[in-house]
Protein backbone atom coordinates (compact mmCIF):
# COMPACT_ATOMS: atom_id res chain seq x y z
CA MET A 1 -8.62 75.82 -61.44
CA SER A 2 -4.93 75.90 -60.83
CA LYS A 3 -3.09 74.24 -58.19
CA ASN A 4 -1.64 76.44 -55.59
CA THR A 5 2.04 75.67 -55.52
CA ASP A 6 2.74 77.79 -52.20
CA PRO A 7 0.18 77.12 -49.64
CA VAL A 8 1.87 79.16 -46.78
CA ALA A 9 2.29 82.30 -49.06
CA ASP A 10 -1.47 81.87 -50.15
CA TYR A 11 -2.38 81.53 -46.38
CA LEU A 12 -0.39 84.83 -45.53
CA ALA A 13 -2.04 86.65 -48.40
CA ARG A 14 -5.38 85.55 -47.36
CA VAL A 15 -4.75 86.82 -43.81
CA ARG A 16 -3.23 90.13 -44.95
CA ASN A 17 -6.10 90.99 -47.20
CA ALA A 18 -8.84 90.12 -44.63
CA LEU A 19 -6.99 92.58 -42.11
CA LYS A 20 -6.71 95.24 -44.97
CA ALA A 21 -10.41 94.90 -45.61
CA GLY A 22 -11.33 94.87 -41.75
CA HIS A 23 -12.87 91.45 -41.72
CA MET A 24 -13.68 90.13 -38.40
CA HIS A 25 -12.93 86.45 -39.57
CA LEU A 26 -11.88 84.55 -42.58
CA ASP A 27 -12.15 80.94 -43.93
CA ILE A 28 -8.87 79.34 -45.27
CA PRO A 29 -8.72 75.60 -46.74
CA ALA A 30 -7.08 73.39 -43.73
CA SER A 31 -3.92 71.64 -43.39
CA LYS A 32 -1.50 70.51 -40.60
CA LEU A 33 0.88 73.30 -41.39
CA LYS A 34 -1.58 75.91 -41.52
CA ARG A 35 -3.11 74.67 -38.17
CA ALA A 36 0.26 74.80 -36.49
CA ILE A 37 0.91 78.25 -37.96
CA THR A 38 -2.56 79.60 -36.67
CA GLN A 39 -2.03 78.08 -33.24
CA ILE A 40 1.15 80.00 -32.96
CA LEU A 41 -0.62 83.17 -34.09
CA VAL A 42 -3.05 82.46 -31.51
CA ASP A 43 -0.78 81.68 -28.73
CA LYS A 44 1.32 84.90 -29.41
CA GLY A 45 -1.73 87.19 -29.33
CA TYR A 46 -1.79 88.02 -33.03
CA VAL A 47 -5.26 86.58 -33.63
CA ARG A 48 -8.06 85.96 -31.41
CA SER A 49 -8.99 82.30 -32.21
CA PHE A 50 -9.79 79.76 -34.72
CA LEU A 51 -12.15 76.87 -35.49
CA ASN A 52 -11.91 73.81 -37.53
CA ILE A 53 -14.62 73.58 -39.84
CA ASP A 54 -15.54 70.03 -41.32
CA ASP A 55 -16.74 70.39 -44.77
CA GLY A 56 -16.58 66.73 -46.08
CA LYS A 57 -13.34 67.17 -48.00
CA GLN A 58 -10.15 68.67 -46.35
CA GLY A 59 -11.88 70.98 -43.77
CA LEU A 60 -11.76 74.91 -43.31
CA LEU A 61 -9.96 77.08 -40.80
CA ARG A 62 -11.94 79.98 -39.45
CA ILE A 63 -9.82 82.40 -38.14
CA TYR A 64 -11.02 85.24 -36.04
CA LEU A 65 -8.82 88.28 -36.31
CA LYS A 66 -7.79 90.65 -33.65
CA TYR A 67 -7.97 94.48 -33.66
CA ASP A 68 -7.61 97.24 -31.19
CA ARG A 69 -10.16 99.72 -29.91
CA SER A 70 -9.31 102.22 -32.77
CA GLY A 71 -9.31 99.25 -35.39
CA THR A 72 -5.86 98.86 -36.07
CA PRO A 73 -4.98 95.30 -36.47
CA ALA A 74 -2.87 93.31 -34.15
CA ILE A 75 -0.80 91.94 -37.12
CA ARG A 76 1.02 94.84 -38.79
CA ASN A 77 2.97 92.96 -41.43
CA LEU A 78 3.30 89.04 -42.49
CA GLU A 79 6.36 88.60 -44.59
CA ARG A 80 6.92 84.95 -46.61
CA VAL A 81 10.51 84.42 -46.15
CA SER A 82 11.30 80.82 -47.52
CA THR A 83 9.77 80.23 -50.94
CA PRO A 84 9.64 76.87 -53.22
CA GLY A 85 12.00 78.41 -55.39
CA LEU A 86 14.58 79.58 -52.78
CA ARG A 87 14.20 77.77 -49.44
CA THR A 88 15.64 79.44 -46.57
CA TYR A 89 17.09 77.43 -43.65
CA VAL A 90 18.98 78.65 -40.61
CA SER A 91 20.95 76.56 -37.86
CA SER A 92 20.34 76.78 -34.26
CA THR A 93 23.12 79.49 -33.73
CA ASP A 94 21.85 81.65 -36.71
CA LEU A 95 18.22 82.28 -35.73
CA PRO A 96 16.65 85.33 -36.88
CA ARG A 97 15.43 87.98 -34.57
CA VAL A 98 12.39 90.02 -35.98
CA ARG A 99 12.15 93.70 -35.01
CA ASN A 100 14.81 93.10 -32.24
CA GLY A 101 12.56 90.41 -30.62
CA LEU A 102 9.24 92.57 -30.82
CA GLY A 103 7.98 90.34 -33.86
CA ILE A 104 8.29 86.49 -34.34
CA ALA A 105 9.84 84.30 -36.91
CA ILE A 106 8.00 81.09 -37.68
CA LEU A 107 9.95 77.89 -38.36
CA SER A 108 9.46 74.59 -39.47
CA THR A 109 11.78 72.26 -37.68
CA SER A 110 12.38 68.81 -37.01
CA SER A 111 10.50 69.29 -33.74
CA GLY A 112 7.66 70.80 -35.48
CA VAL A 113 6.37 74.35 -36.41
CA MET A 114 7.54 76.61 -33.83
CA THR A 115 8.62 80.16 -33.17
CA ASP A 116 12.23 81.55 -33.44
CA LYS A 117 12.08 82.04 -29.46
CA GLU A 118 11.07 78.45 -28.97
CA ALA A 119 13.63 77.14 -31.43
CA ARG A 120 16.50 78.94 -29.63
CA ARG A 121 15.34 77.61 -26.40
CA ILE A 122 15.62 73.85 -27.55
CA ASN A 123 18.62 74.59 -29.68
CA VAL A 124 17.09 73.27 -33.16
CA GLY A 125 17.31 75.10 -36.60
CA GLY A 126 14.92 74.63 -39.55
CA GLU A 127 13.26 76.27 -42.45
CA VAL A 128 12.05 80.08 -41.90
CA LEU A 129 8.65 80.18 -43.37
CA ALA A 130 7.52 83.89 -42.28
CA TYR A 131 8.15 86.76 -40.11
CA VAL A 132 5.07 88.35 -38.11
CA TYR A 133 5.11 91.63 -36.37
């Protein structure tokens, strides 16, 4: 079994694949960063909810995905920005706007994982993890 070098990209790919397949939920190996990203997706209305499942090891995140009445996923696109080979950092004055404010950028800052709007409000920069819209 190979060691995953980019857990955020793996997380985004699993969510993207589950949405394409029309699954109602998916299980992902848990970490603090993945919990923080999932909490942001829940708070912003992109996923319904999530559960922490204790499996005796690192645990699992069960994420319940959100669809509209016609079966279209609430998340249209998940895009990884900063990679292990090319980290992308922004200052508080250069925070990205995704889809002219209709999407969100997820950032890892010194104050924790947050959206671009929250980072702009408290005037911090950080590493841009992903774009969601």
